[in-house]
Amino acid sequence: MSLDKLQLPALLHKHIFRNHLVALKPGINLTVLKSESKVEFLGGNERKIIFLFNDDKNKFLPDSQMKFLSDLLTACHLNMADIAIVNIHNSKITYRNLTEQLQPEKILIFGVPDILDLPFNIPFFQIQNYQLVTYVTFPLIAVIQKDLELKKQLWVCLQKIFRIQLQK
């Protein structure tokens, strides 16, 4: 007779397994570590558009970059209620827990393209679709602000992503 398919009544479980499976020395506390961080963001995330930054000096963005981003949003017919601004500095956010928690349709990454630990690399200004999410990477927003050519490339890319038609 094999014990592989033996089923015990639930009443016996509490008697058989009344001791812990791991014996701890007295005074040792057992803590459970979360494997993934909770994503903190600024904005309403109503249209599931994530703006991702890596800023070590600010909770989200400095005022000058926030103003630049606000102008971009206005040009794209968006507002803060539509998006989520995420600063991943000092966090363990990956594309998996970001997509699980915020269910994004678009993720715009400013700065280092590989900060999300994606299984592929994306060159700046290239639109990449992966698992029903549109990804695009850009240089740091502070660098874009100072360079007219980068601003033009950013605008062309945003027009494609958000299907913006220029009025003639």
C-alpha atoms as a PDB file:
ATOM      1  CA  MET A   1       0.000   0.000   0.000  1.00  0.00           C
ATOM      2  CA  SER A   2       1.398   3.391  -1.040  1.00  0.00           C
ATOM      3  CA  LEU A   3       1.284   6.398   1.302  1.00  0.00           C
ATOM      4  CA  ASP A   4       1.329   8.857  -1.614  1.00  0.00           C
ATOM      5  CA  LYS A   5      -2.452   9.050  -1.855  1.00  0.00           C
ATOM      6  CA  LEU A   6      -3.258   8.736   1.827  1.00  0.00           C
ATOM      7  CA  GLN A   7      -5.680  11.462   2.954  1.00  0.00           C
ATOM      8  CA  LEU A   8      -6.035  12.393   6.597  1.00  0.00           C
ATOM      9  CA  PRO A   9      -9.166  13.931   8.065  1.00  0.00           C
ATOM     10  CA  ALA A  10      -8.843  17.655   8.839  1.00  0.00           C
ATOM     11  CA  LEU A  11      -9.440  16.944  12.543  1.00  0.00           C
ATOM     12  CA  LEU A  12      -6.114  15.092  12.752  1.00  0.00           C
ATOM     13  CA  HIS A  13      -4.060  17.917  11.170  1.00  0.00           C
ATOM     14  CA  LYS A  14      -4.042  20.110  14.276  1.00  0.00           C
ATOM     15  CA  HIS A  15      -2.908  17.165  16.424  1.00  0.00           C
ATOM     16  CA  ILE A  16      -0.219  15.918  14.074  1.00  0.00           C
ATOM     17  CA  PHE A  17       1.160  19.360  13.176  1.00  0.00           C
ATOM     18  CA  ARG A  18       0.850  21.112  16.525  1.00  0.00           C
ATOM     19  CA  ASN A  19       4.571  21.957  16.590  1.00  0.00           C
ATOM     20  CA  HIS A  20       6.294  24.357  14.204  1.00  0.00           C
ATOM     21  CA  LEU A  21       8.124  22.931  11.233  1.00  0.00           C
ATOM     22  CA  VAL A  22      11.144  25.106  12.151  1.00  0.00           C
ATOM     23  CA  ALA A  23      12.413  25.090  15.726  1.00  0.00           C
ATOM     24  CA  LEU A  24      13.580  28.557  16.703  1.00  0.00           C
ATOM     25  CA  LYS A  25      15.845  29.347  19.622  1.00  0.00           C
ATOM     26  CA  PRO A  26      14.148  31.422  22.328  1.00  0.00           C
ATOM     27  CA  GLY A  27      14.395  35.167  21.644  1.00  0.00           C
ATOM     28  CA  ILE A  28      14.690  34.861  17.867  1.00  0.00           C
ATOM     29  CA  ASN A  29      11.952  36.656  15.961  1.00  0.00           C
ATOM     30  CA  LEU A  30      10.842  35.389  12.598  1.00  0.00           C
ATOM     31  CA  THR A  31      10.127  38.179  10.110  1.00  0.00           C
ATOM     32  CA  VAL A  32       8.637  37.785   6.687  1.00  0.00           C
ATOM     33  CA  LEU A  33      10.304  39.879   4.015  1.00  0.00           C
ATOM     34  CA  LYS A  34       8.291  41.154   1.102  1.00  0.00           C
ATOM     35  CA  SER A  35       9.861  40.135  -2.152  1.00  0.00           C
ATOM     36  CA  GLU A  36       8.577  43.160  -4.030  1.00  0.00           C
ATOM     37  CA  SER A  37       8.105  46.797  -3.105  1.00  0.00           C
ATOM     38  CA  LYS A  38       4.820  48.658  -3.096  1.00  0.00           C
ATOM     39  CA  VAL A  39       4.863  51.191  -5.891  1.00  0.00           C
ATOM     40  CA  GLU A  40       4.526  54.803  -4.703  1.00  0.00           C
ATOM     41  CA  PHE A  41       3.347  57.254  -7.334  1.00  0.00           C
ATOM     42  CA  LEU A  42       2.151  60.792  -7.882  1.00  0.00           C
ATOM     43  CA  GLY A  43      -0.954  61.292 -10.007  1.00  0.00           C
ATOM     44  CA  GLY A  44      -4.259  59.552 -10.595  1.00  0.00           C
ATOM     45  CA  ASN A  45      -3.173  56.820 -13.060  1.00  0.00           C
ATOM     46  CA  GLU A  46      -6.617  56.949 -14.695  1.00  0.00           C
ATOM     47  CA  ARG A  47      -5.277  56.356 -18.234  1.00  0.00           C
ATOM     48  CA  LYS A  48      -2.630  53.853 -17.059  1.00  0.00           C
ATOM     49  CA  ILE A  49       0.350  55.879 -18.293  1.00  0.00           C
ATOM     50  CA  ILE A  50       3.492  55.606 -16.175  1.00  0.00           C
ATOM     51  CA  PHE A  51       6.302  58.177 -16.262  1.00  0.00           C
ATOM     52  CA  LEU A  52       9.322  56.517 -14.696  1.00  0.00           C
ATOM     53  CA  PHE A  53      12.295  58.423 -13.267  1.00  0.00           C
ATOM     54  CA  ASN A  54      15.338  57.681 -11.143  1.00  0.00           C
ATOM     55  CA  ASP A  55      16.021  60.770  -9.010  1.00  0.00           C
ATOM     56  CA  ASP A  56      18.210  60.439  -5.918  1.00  0.00           C
ATOM     57  CA  LYS A  57      17.507  63.954  -4.587  1.00  0.00           C
ATOM     58  CA  ASN A  58      13.709  64.261  -4.789  1.00  0.00           C
ATOM     59  CA  LYS A  59      10.703  62.173  -3.879  1.00  0.00           C
ATOM     60  CA  PHE A  60       9.414  62.509  -7.434  1.00  0.00           C
ATOM     61  CA  LEU A  61      10.880  65.365  -9.533  1.00  0.00           C
ATOM     62  CA  PRO A  62      12.394  68.798  -8.919  1.00  0.00           C
ATOM     63  CA  ASP A  63      10.165  71.787  -9.685  1.00  0.00           C
ATOM     64  CA  SER A  64      11.797  72.702 -13.020  1.00  0.00           C
ATOM     65  CA  GLN A  65      11.401  69.143 -14.349  1.00  0.00           C
ATOM     66  CA  MET A  66       7.859  68.947 -12.998  1.00  0.00           C
ATOM     67  CA  LYS A  67       7.006  72.141 -14.908  1.00  0.00           C
ATOM     68  CA  PHE A  68       8.542  70.679 -18.089  1.00  0.00           C
ATOM     69  CA  LEU A  69       6.563  67.474 -17.617  1.00  0.00           C
ATOM     70  CA  SER A  70       3.381  69.456 -16.980  1.00  0.00           C
ATOM     71  CA  ASP A  71       3.910  71.312 -20.273  1.00  0.00           C
ATOM     72  CA  LEU A  72       4.437  67.983 -22.062  1.00  0.00           C
ATOM     73  CA  LEU A  73       1.228  66.605 -20.570  1.00  0.00           C
ATOM     74  CA  THR A  74      -0.718  69.655 -21.720  1.00  0.00           C
ATOM     75  CA  ALA A  75       0.684  69.305 -25.247  1.00  0.00           C
ATOM     76  CA  CYS A  76      -0.367  65.625 -25.223  1.00  0.00           C
ATOM     77  CA  HIS A  77      -3.884  66.459 -23.979  1.00  0.00           C
ATOM     78  CA  LEU A  78      -3.177  64.768 -20.626  1.00  0.00           C
ATOM     79  CA  ASN A  79      -3.128  65.884 -17.015  1.00  0.00           C
ATOM     80  CA  MET A  80      -1.885  64.577 -13.653  1.00  0.00           C
ATOM     81  CA  ALA A  81      -5.079  62.568 -13.137  1.00  0.00           C
ATOM     82  CA  ASP A  82      -4.262  60.549 -16.266  1.00  0.00           C
ATOM     83  CA  ILE A  83      -0.723  59.508 -15.333  1.00  0.00           C
ATOM     84  CA  ALA A  84       1.410  58.100 -12.542  1.00  0.00           C
ATOM     85  CA  ILE A  85       4.861  59.527 -11.839  1.00  0.00           C
ATOM     86  CA  VAL A  86       7.117  56.899 -10.280  1.00  0.00           C
ATOM     87  CA  ASN A  87      10.594  57.532  -8.906  1.00  0.00           C
ATOM     88  CA  ILE A  88      12.287  54.175  -8.560  1.00  0.00           C
ATOM     89  CA  HIS A  89      15.388  55.397  -6.745  1.00  0.00           C
ATOM     90  CA  ASN A  90      16.155  53.171  -3.721  1.00  0.00           C
ATOM     91  CA  SER A  91      13.370  50.725  -4.545  1.00  0.00           C
ATOM     92  CA  LYS A  92      13.263  47.221  -5.929  1.00  0.00           C
ATOM     93  CA  ILE A  93      10.582  47.874  -8.528  1.00  0.00           C
ATOM     94  CA  THR A  94      10.646  45.587 -11.548  1.00  0.00           C
ATOM     95  CA  TYR A  95       8.442  45.618 -14.609  1.00  0.00           C
ATOM     96  CA  ARG A  96       6.515  42.678 -13.124  1.00  0.00           C
ATOM     97  CA  ASN A  97       5.421  44.333  -9.888  1.00  0.00           C
ATOM     98  CA  LEU A  98       4.944  47.677 -11.650  1.00  0.00           C
ATOM     99  CA  THR A  99       2.568  46.073 -14.154  1.00  0.00           C
ATOM    100  CA  GLU A 100       0.808  44.022 -11.476  1.00  0.00           C
ATOM    101  CA  GLN A 101       0.178  47.003  -9.212  1.00  0.00           C
ATOM    102  CA  LEU A 102      -0.522  49.807 -11.699  1.00  0.00           C
ATOM    103  CA  GLN A 103      -1.721  47.862 -14.804  1.00  0.00           C
ATOM    104  CA  PRO A 104      -0.048  50.306 -17.214  1.00  0.00           C
ATOM    105  CA  GLU A 105      -0.751  50.541 -20.902  1.00  0.00           C
ATOM    106  CA  LYS A 106       2.260  52.794 -21.514  1.00  0.00           C
ATOM    107  CA  ILE A 107       5.538  53.176 -19.592  1.00  0.00           C
ATOM    108  CA  LEU A 108       7.780  56.116 -20.448  1.00  0.00           C
ATOM    109  CA  ILE A 109      11.234  55.705 -18.908  1.00  0.00           C
ATOM    110  CA  PHE A 110      13.443  58.766 -18.468  1.00  0.00           C
ATOM    111  CA  GLY A 111      17.095  58.071 -17.823  1.00  0.00           C
ATOM    112  CA  VAL A 112      18.720  54.677 -17.672  1.00  0.00           C
ATOM    113  CA  PRO A 113      16.810  52.306 -19.994  1.00  0.00           C
ATOM    114  CA  ASP A 114      17.491  49.149 -17.969  1.00  0.00           C
ATOM    115  CA  ILE A 115      16.154  50.345 -14.610  1.00  0.00           C
ATOM    116  CA  LEU A 116      13.110  48.068 -14.743  1.00  0.00           C
ATOM    117  CA  ASP A 117      15.060  44.867 -15.269  1.00  0.00           C
ATOM    118  CA  LEU A 118      13.270  44.176 -18.547  1.00  0.00           C
ATOM    119  CA  PRO A 119      14.399  41.056 -20.435  1.00  0.00           C
ATOM    120  CA  PHE A 120      15.539  43.249 -23.364  1.00  0.00           C
ATOM    121  CA  ASN A 121      17.148  46.639 -24.016  1.00  0.00           C
ATOM    122  CA  ILE A 122      15.369  49.579 -25.606  1.00  0.00           C
ATOM    123  CA  PRO A 123      17.365  52.343 -27.328  1.00  0.00           C
ATOM    124  CA  PHE A 124      16.280  55.913 -26.598  1.00  0.00           C
ATOM    125  CA  PHE A 125      13.205  57.085 -28.544  1.00  0.00           C
ATOM    126  CA  GLN A 126      12.312  53.575 -29.744  1.00  0.00           C
ATOM    127  CA  ILE A 127       8.769  52.389 -29.048  1.00  0.00           C
ATOM    128  CA  GLN A 128       8.681  48.775 -27.876  1.00  0.00           C
ATOM    129  CA  ASN A 129       5.606  46.662 -27.144  1.00  0.00           C
ATOM    130  CA  TYR A 130       5.926  43.840 -24.623  1.00  0.00           C
ATOM    131  CA  GLN A 131       3.144  41.888 -22.923  1.00  0.00           C
ATOM    132  CA  LEU A 132       0.435  44.382 -23.932  1.00  0.00           C
ATOM    133  CA  VAL A 133       2.420  47.365 -22.593  1.00  0.00           C
ATOM    134  CA  THR A 134       4.082  50.043 -24.732  1.00  0.00           C
ATOM    135  CA  TYR A 135       7.553  50.969 -23.480  1.00  0.00           C
ATOM    136  CA  VAL A 136       9.736  53.847 -24.631  1.00  0.00           C
ATOM    137  CA  THR A 137      12.945  55.221 -23.161  1.00  0.00           C
ATOM    138  CA  PHE A 138      14.313  58.733 -23.200  1.00  0.00           C
ATOM    139  CA  PRO A 139      17.420  60.465 -21.884  1.00  0.00           C
ATOM    140  CA  LEU A 140      17.194  62.150 -18.481  1.00  0.00           C
ATOM    141  CA  ILE A 141      14.589  64.897 -18.472  1.00  0.00           C
ATOM    142  CA  ALA A 142      17.221  67.423 -17.304  1.00  0.00           C
ATOM    143  CA  VAL A 143      19.292  66.606 -20.410  1.00  0.00           C
ATOM    144  CA  ILE A 144      16.259  66.901 -22.725  1.00  0.00           C
ATOM    145  CA  GLN A 145      15.374  70.307 -21.278  1.00  0.00           C
ATOM    146  CA  LYS A 146      18.746  71.730 -22.388  1.00  0.00           C
ATOM    147  CA  ASP A 147      18.881  70.238 -25.900  1.00  0.00           C
ATOM    148  CA  LEU A 148      16.581  71.412 -28.697  1.00  0.00           C
ATOM    149  CA  GLU A 149      17.226  68.328 -30.884  1.00  0.00           C
ATOM    150  CA  LEU A 150      16.327  65.973 -28.004  1.00  0.00           C
ATOM    151  CA  LYS A 151      13.154  67.991 -27.380  1.00  0.00           C
ATOM    152  CA  LYS A 152      12.198  67.531 -31.040  1.00  0.00           C
ATOM    153  CA  GLN A 153      12.860  63.769 -30.861  1.00  0.00           C
ATOM    154  CA  LEU A 154      10.821  63.553 -27.657  1.00  0.00           C
ATOM    155  CA  TRP A 155       7.898  65.404 -29.241  1.00  0.00           C
ATOM    156  CA  VAL A 156       7.919  63.198 -32.379  1.00  0.00           C
ATOM    157  CA  CYS A 157       7.913  60.099 -30.172  1.00  0.00           C
ATOM    158  CA  LEU A 158       5.095  61.414 -27.957  1.00  0.00           C
ATOM    159  CA  GLN A 159       3.018  62.201 -31.066  1.00  0.00           C
ATOM    160  CA  LYS A 160       3.322  58.555 -32.121  1.00  0.00           C
ATOM    161  CA  ILE A 161       2.611  57.123 -28.673  1.00  0.00           C
ATOM    162  CA  PHE A 162      -0.434  59.280 -27.995  1.00  0.00           C
ATOM    163  CA  ARG A 163      -1.549  59.566 -31.638  1.00  0.00           C
ATOM    164  CA  ILE A 164      -1.481  63.356 -31.582  1.00  0.00           C
ATOM    165  CA  GLN A 165      -2.617  65.006 -34.790  1.00  0.00           C
ATOM    166  CA  LEU A 166      -1.306  68.513 -35.347  1.00  0.00           C
ATOM    167  CA  GLN A 167      -3.968  71.067 -36.240  1.00  0.00           C
ATOM    168  CA  LYS A 168      -3.349  72.794 -39.599  1.00  0.00           C
END
